[in-house]
Amino acid sequence: MDGWGVDTSRDLPGEELARIQREHLAFHARLRAAGQVVTNGPVDGQPDPSLRGLAFYRTGALERSPQLAEGGPAMRAGRLAVEIMTWYCPPGTMSRPGRAVTLP
């Protein structure tokens, strides 16, 4: 799993930020389609506003997760930073259907 934090020291034009966000979403869609990310998405109500989202990687090797995460467009552009940690859950947890959530 990784947490993403914003690097607010970078002041990029709106068009550049929009492009990075589009590429960021497409990057994670490709990782999900390839089975390397189980799920990912933004968070809300976090106590630390620099934590922007979570991704749950299925790579088979802890070393592979940061390689994938740091290859993302938002990370390469300096907008987000990667923090890797291990998450333990009961077997089958990530294969259960969930409910759809729409963000404002």
N, C-alpha and C. Protein backbone atom coordinates (compact mmCIF):
# COMPACT_ATOMS: atom_id res chain seq x y z
N MET A 1 0.85 -1.16 0.00
CA MET A 1 0.00 0.00 0.00
C MET A 1 0.89 1.22 0.00
N ASP A 2 0.42 2.29 -0.54
CA ASP A 2 1.18 3.53 -0.43
C ASP A 2 0.25 4.68 -0.12
N GLY A 3 0.79 5.70 0.50
CA GLY A 3 0.06 6.94 0.70
C GLY A 3 0.71 8.03 -0.12
N TRP A 4 -0.07 8.89 -0.66
CA TRP A 4 0.47 9.96 -1.49
C TRP A 4 0.36 11.27 -0.76
N GLY A 5 1.39 12.08 -0.83
CA GLY A 5 1.36 13.41 -0.22
C GLY A 5 1.69 14.47 -1.24
N VAL A 6 1.08 15.61 -1.12
CA VAL A 6 1.29 16.68 -2.09
C VAL A 6 2.54 17.47 -1.74
N ASP A 7 3.31 17.82 -2.74
CA ASP A 7 4.45 18.72 -2.60
C ASP A 7 3.94 20.11 -2.96
N THR A 8 3.54 20.88 -1.96
CA THR A 8 2.94 22.19 -2.21
C THR A 8 3.98 23.24 -2.59
N SER A 9 5.25 22.89 -2.59
CA SER A 9 6.28 23.86 -2.96
C SER A 9 6.29 24.10 -4.47
N ARG A 10 5.62 23.24 -5.23
CA ARG A 10 5.60 23.39 -6.69
C ARG A 10 4.35 24.17 -7.09
N ASP A 11 4.55 25.25 -7.81
CA ASP A 11 3.44 26.08 -8.26
C ASP A 11 3.35 25.95 -9.78
N LEU A 12 2.52 25.02 -10.23
CA LEU A 12 2.39 24.76 -11.66
C LEU A 12 1.12 25.40 -12.20
N PRO A 13 1.13 25.78 -13.48
CA PRO A 13 -0.07 26.35 -14.09
C PRO A 13 -1.21 25.33 -14.11
N GLY A 14 -2.44 25.83 -14.12
CA GLY A 14 -3.62 24.98 -14.08
C GLY A 14 -3.66 23.93 -15.17
N GLU A 15 -3.25 24.31 -16.40
CA GLU A 15 -3.25 23.34 -17.50
C GLU A 15 -2.28 22.20 -17.23
N GLU A 16 -1.15 22.53 -16.65
CA GLU A 16 -0.14 21.52 -16.32
C GLU A 16 -0.66 20.58 -15.23
N LEU A 17 -1.30 21.15 -14.21
CA LEU A 17 -1.88 20.33 -13.15
C LEU A 17 -2.97 19.41 -13.70
N ALA A 18 -3.80 19.91 -14.60
CA ALA A 18 -4.86 19.10 -15.20
C ALA A 18 -4.27 17.96 -16.01
N ARG A 19 -3.21 18.23 -16.76
CA ARG A 19 -2.55 17.20 -17.56
C ARG A 19 -1.96 16.12 -16.65
N ILE A 20 -1.27 16.55 -15.58
CA ILE A 20 -0.68 15.59 -14.64
C ILE A 20 -1.77 14.73 -14.01
N GLN A 21 -2.90 15.33 -13.65
CA GLN A 21 -3.98 14.57 -13.03
C GLN A 21 -4.56 13.55 -14.01
N ARG A 22 -4.77 13.94 -15.26
CA ARG A 22 -5.28 13.00 -16.27
C ARG A 22 -4.32 11.82 -16.43
N GLU A 23 -3.02 12.13 -16.52
CA GLU A 23 -2.02 11.08 -16.67
C GLU A 23 -1.95 10.20 -15.43
N HIS A 24 -2.11 10.80 -14.26
CA HIS A 24 -2.10 10.06 -12.99
C HIS A 24 -3.25 9.06 -12.96
N LEU A 25 -4.45 9.49 -13.32
CA LEU A 25 -5.61 8.60 -13.33
C LEU A 25 -5.45 7.49 -14.36
N ALA A 26 -4.94 7.82 -15.53
CA ALA A 26 -4.72 6.81 -16.58
C ALA A 26 -3.67 5.80 -16.15
N PHE A 27 -2.62 6.27 -15.51
CA PHE A 27 -1.55 5.39 -15.02
C PHE A 27 -2.12 4.35 -14.06
N HIS A 28 -2.92 4.80 -13.09
CA HIS A 28 -3.49 3.85 -12.13
C HIS A 28 -4.54 2.95 -12.76
N ALA A 29 -5.25 3.42 -13.74
CA ALA A 29 -6.20 2.55 -14.46
C ALA A 29 -5.45 1.42 -15.15
N ARG A 30 -4.28 1.73 -15.74
CA ARG A 30 -3.48 0.69 -16.38
C ARG A 30 -2.95 -0.32 -15.37
N LEU A 31 -2.52 0.16 -14.20
CA LEU A 31 -2.04 -0.76 -13.16
C LEU A 31 -3.16 -1.66 -12.65
N ARG A 32 -4.37 -1.10 -12.50
CA ARG A 32 -5.51 -1.94 -12.09
C ARG A 32 -5.84 -2.97 -13.16
N ALA A 33 -5.86 -2.55 -14.42
CA ALA A 33 -6.17 -3.46 -15.52
C ALA A 33 -5.14 -4.59 -15.61
N ALA A 34 -3.90 -4.29 -15.27
CA ALA A 34 -2.83 -5.29 -15.32
C ALA A 34 -2.81 -6.16 -14.07
N GLY A 35 -3.64 -5.84 -13.07
CA GLY A 35 -3.68 -6.61 -11.84
C GLY A 35 -2.60 -6.25 -10.84
N GLN A 36 -1.85 -5.18 -11.10
CA GLN A 36 -0.78 -4.80 -10.19
C GLN A 36 -1.28 -3.92 -9.04
N VAL A 37 -2.44 -3.29 -9.23
CA VAL A 37 -3.09 -2.53 -8.18
C VAL A 37 -4.46 -3.14 -7.98
N VAL A 38 -4.79 -3.49 -6.74
CA VAL A 38 -6.10 -4.05 -6.44
C VAL A 38 -7.13 -2.94 -6.49
N THR A 39 -6.84 -1.85 -5.81
CA THR A 39 -7.72 -0.68 -5.84
C THR A 39 -6.91 0.53 -5.41
N ASN A 40 -7.43 1.70 -5.73
CA ASN A 40 -6.78 2.95 -5.33
C ASN A 40 -7.81 4.07 -5.40
N GLY A 41 -7.51 5.15 -4.74
CA GLY A 41 -8.40 6.30 -4.81
C GLY A 41 -8.06 7.34 -3.78
N PRO A 42 -8.75 8.49 -3.87
CA PRO A 42 -8.50 9.59 -2.93
C PRO A 42 -9.10 9.31 -1.56
N VAL A 43 -8.63 10.05 -0.56
CA VAL A 43 -9.18 9.95 0.79
C VAL A 43 -9.78 11.30 1.16
N ASP A 44 -10.64 11.29 2.18
CA ASP A 44 -11.29 12.50 2.66
C ASP A 44 -11.35 12.44 4.18
N GLY A 45 -11.23 13.55 4.83
CA GLY A 45 -11.31 13.60 6.28
C GLY A 45 -10.05 13.14 6.98
N GLN A 46 -8.94 13.05 6.26
CA GLN A 46 -7.69 12.61 6.85
C GLN A 46 -7.14 13.68 7.80
N PRO A 47 -6.49 13.27 8.91
CA PRO A 47 -5.94 14.24 9.85
C PRO A 47 -4.74 14.99 9.28
N ASP A 48 -4.06 14.39 8.32
CA ASP A 48 -2.91 15.03 7.68
C ASP A 48 -3.30 15.34 6.24
N PRO A 49 -3.49 16.61 5.89
CA PRO A 49 -3.95 16.95 4.53
C PRO A 49 -2.97 16.58 3.43
N SER A 50 -1.73 16.27 3.78
CA SER A 50 -0.79 15.87 2.73
C SER A 50 -1.07 14.45 2.25
N LEU A 51 -1.81 13.66 3.02
CA LEU A 51 -2.20 12.32 2.58
C LEU A 51 -3.38 12.48 1.63
N ARG A 52 -3.16 12.21 0.37
CA ARG A 52 -4.17 12.48 -0.64
C ARG A 52 -4.91 11.24 -1.12
N GLY A 53 -4.30 10.06 -1.04
CA GLY A 53 -4.95 8.86 -1.53
C GLY A 53 -4.18 7.62 -1.14
N LEU A 54 -4.79 6.47 -1.43
CA LEU A 54 -4.17 5.19 -1.12
C LEU A 54 -4.22 4.30 -2.35
N ALA A 55 -3.23 3.45 -2.46
CA ALA A 55 -3.22 2.42 -3.50
C ALA A 55 -2.78 1.12 -2.85
N PHE A 56 -3.46 0.03 -3.22
CA PHE A 56 -3.14 -1.28 -2.68
C PHE A 56 -2.56 -2.11 -3.82
N TYR A 57 -1.25 -2.35 -3.74
CA TYR A 57 -0.52 -3.04 -4.79
C TYR A 57 -0.51 -4.54 -4.56
N ARG A 58 -0.52 -5.28 -5.65
CA ARG A 58 -0.37 -6.74 -5.61
C ARG A 58 0.79 -7.06 -6.55
N THR A 59 1.99 -7.05 -6.01
CA THR A 59 3.17 -7.19 -6.85
C THR A 59 3.94 -8.47 -6.59
N GLY A 60 3.73 -9.11 -5.45
CA GLY A 60 4.48 -10.31 -5.12
C GLY A 60 5.80 -10.03 -4.46
N ALA A 61 6.24 -8.78 -4.45
CA ALA A 61 7.50 -8.41 -3.82
C ALA A 61 7.40 -6.98 -3.33
N LEU A 62 7.69 -6.76 -2.06
CA LEU A 62 7.60 -5.43 -1.47
C LEU A 62 8.44 -4.41 -2.23
N GLU A 63 9.57 -4.84 -2.78
CA GLU A 63 10.45 -3.92 -3.50
C GLU A 63 9.80 -3.41 -4.79
N ARG A 64 8.89 -4.17 -5.37
CA ARG A 64 8.28 -3.80 -6.65
C ARG A 64 7.26 -2.66 -6.48
N SER A 65 6.58 -2.59 -5.35
CA SER A 65 5.55 -1.56 -5.15
C SER A 65 6.09 -0.14 -5.28
N PRO A 66 7.18 0.23 -4.61
CA PRO A 66 7.69 1.59 -4.78
C PRO A 66 8.18 1.86 -6.19
N GLN A 67 8.70 0.85 -6.86
CA GLN A 67 9.13 1.05 -8.25
C GLN A 67 7.94 1.45 -9.11
N LEU A 68 6.83 0.75 -8.96
CA LEU A 68 5.63 1.08 -9.72
C LEU A 68 5.09 2.45 -9.32
N ALA A 69 4.94 2.67 -8.02
CA ALA A 69 4.35 3.92 -7.53
C ALA A 69 5.16 5.14 -7.96
N GLU A 70 6.47 5.07 -7.83
CA GLU A 70 7.31 6.22 -8.15
C GLU A 70 7.39 6.48 -9.65
N GLY A 71 6.93 5.52 -10.45
CA GLY A 71 6.89 5.72 -11.90
C GLY A 71 5.67 6.50 -12.36
N GLY A 72 4.76 6.81 -11.44
CA GLY A 72 3.55 7.53 -11.80
C GLY A 72 3.82 8.98 -12.18
N PRO A 73 3.02 9.52 -13.08
CA PRO A 73 3.23 10.90 -13.55
C PRO A 73 3.22 11.95 -12.44
N ALA A 74 2.31 11.83 -11.47
CA ALA A 74 2.25 12.83 -10.40
C ALA A 74 3.46 12.75 -9.49
N MET A 75 3.99 11.54 -9.31
CA MET A 75 5.19 11.39 -8.50
C MET A 75 6.40 11.94 -9.23
N ARG A 76 6.50 11.62 -10.53
CA ARG A 76 7.64 12.11 -11.32
C ARG A 76 7.62 13.63 -11.43
N ALA A 77 6.43 14.23 -11.44
CA ALA A 77 6.31 15.68 -11.55
C ALA A 77 6.54 16.39 -10.22
N GLY A 78 6.68 15.62 -9.13
CA GLY A 78 6.91 16.22 -7.82
C GLY A 78 5.63 16.67 -7.13
N ARG A 79 4.48 16.31 -7.64
CA ARG A 79 3.21 16.70 -7.01
C ARG A 79 2.84 15.79 -5.86
N LEU A 80 3.19 14.52 -5.94
CA LEU A 80 2.87 13.55 -4.90
C LEU A 80 4.12 12.79 -4.51
N ALA A 81 4.15 12.33 -3.28
CA ALA A 81 5.26 11.53 -2.77
C ALA A 81 4.71 10.17 -2.34
N VAL A 82 5.55 9.18 -2.35
CA VAL A 82 5.16 7.81 -2.04
C VAL A 82 5.64 7.43 -0.65
N GLU A 83 4.76 6.81 0.11
CA GLU A 83 5.11 6.17 1.38
C GLU A 83 4.62 4.74 1.29
N ILE A 84 5.51 3.78 1.45
CA ILE A 84 5.15 2.37 1.34
C ILE A 84 5.06 1.74 2.72
N MET A 85 4.03 0.96 2.93
CA MET A 85 3.88 0.19 4.16
C MET A 85 3.16 -1.10 3.81
N THR A 86 3.22 -2.05 4.71
CA THR A 86 2.53 -3.32 4.51
C THR A 86 1.17 -3.25 5.20
N TRP A 87 0.14 -3.75 4.53
CA TRP A 87 -1.21 -3.81 5.08
C TRP A 87 -1.62 -5.26 5.17
N TYR A 88 -2.07 -5.68 6.34
CA TYR A 88 -2.52 -7.05 6.54
C TYR A 88 -4.03 -7.08 6.61
N CYS A 89 -4.63 -8.03 5.93
CA CYS A 89 -6.08 -8.21 5.98
C CYS A 89 -6.38 -9.70 5.85
N PRO A 90 -7.56 -10.12 6.28
CA PRO A 90 -7.91 -11.54 6.16
C PRO A 90 -7.95 -11.96 4.69
N PRO A 91 -7.59 -13.20 4.39
CA PRO A 91 -7.66 -13.69 3.00
C PRO A 91 -9.06 -13.48 2.43
N GLY A 92 -9.12 -13.05 1.18
CA GLY A 92 -10.39 -12.85 0.50
C GLY A 92 -11.00 -11.47 0.69
N THR A 93 -10.45 -10.67 1.60
CA THR A 93 -11.01 -9.35 1.87
C THR A 93 -11.10 -8.49 0.62
N MET A 94 -10.06 -8.48 -0.18
CA MET A 94 -10.02 -7.60 -1.35
C MET A 94 -10.80 -8.16 -2.53
N SER A 95 -11.36 -9.35 -2.40
CA SER A 95 -12.13 -9.90 -3.52
C SER A 95 -13.63 -9.78 -3.30
N ARG A 96 -14.04 -9.27 -2.16
CA ARG A 96 -15.47 -9.10 -1.89
C ARG A 96 -15.99 -7.87 -2.62
N PRO A 97 -17.21 -7.96 -3.14
CA PRO A 97 -17.77 -6.78 -3.81
C PRO A 97 -18.06 -5.67 -2.80
N GLY A 98 -17.87 -4.46 -3.25
CA GLY A 98 -18.15 -3.30 -2.41
C GLY A 98 -19.34 -2.53 -2.94
N ARG A 99 -19.50 -1.33 -2.48
CA ARG A 99 -20.57 -0.48 -2.98
C ARG A 99 -19.96 0.70 -3.71
N ALA A 100 -20.64 1.16 -4.71
CA ALA A 100 -20.16 2.30 -5.49
C ALA A 100 -20.28 3.58 -4.66
N VAL A 101 -19.27 4.43 -4.75
CA VAL A 101 -19.25 5.70 -4.04
C VAL A 101 -18.96 6.79 -5.06
N THR A 102 -19.74 7.85 -5.03
CA THR A 102 -19.52 8.99 -5.91
C THR A 102 -18.96 10.14 -5.08
N LEU A 103 -17.86 10.70 -5.54
CA LEU A 103 -17.25 11.83 -4.83
C LEU A 103 -17.86 13.13 -5.32
N PRO A 104 -17.93 14.12 -4.42
CA PRO A 104 -18.50 15.43 -4.82
C PRO A 104 -17.64 16.12 -5.87
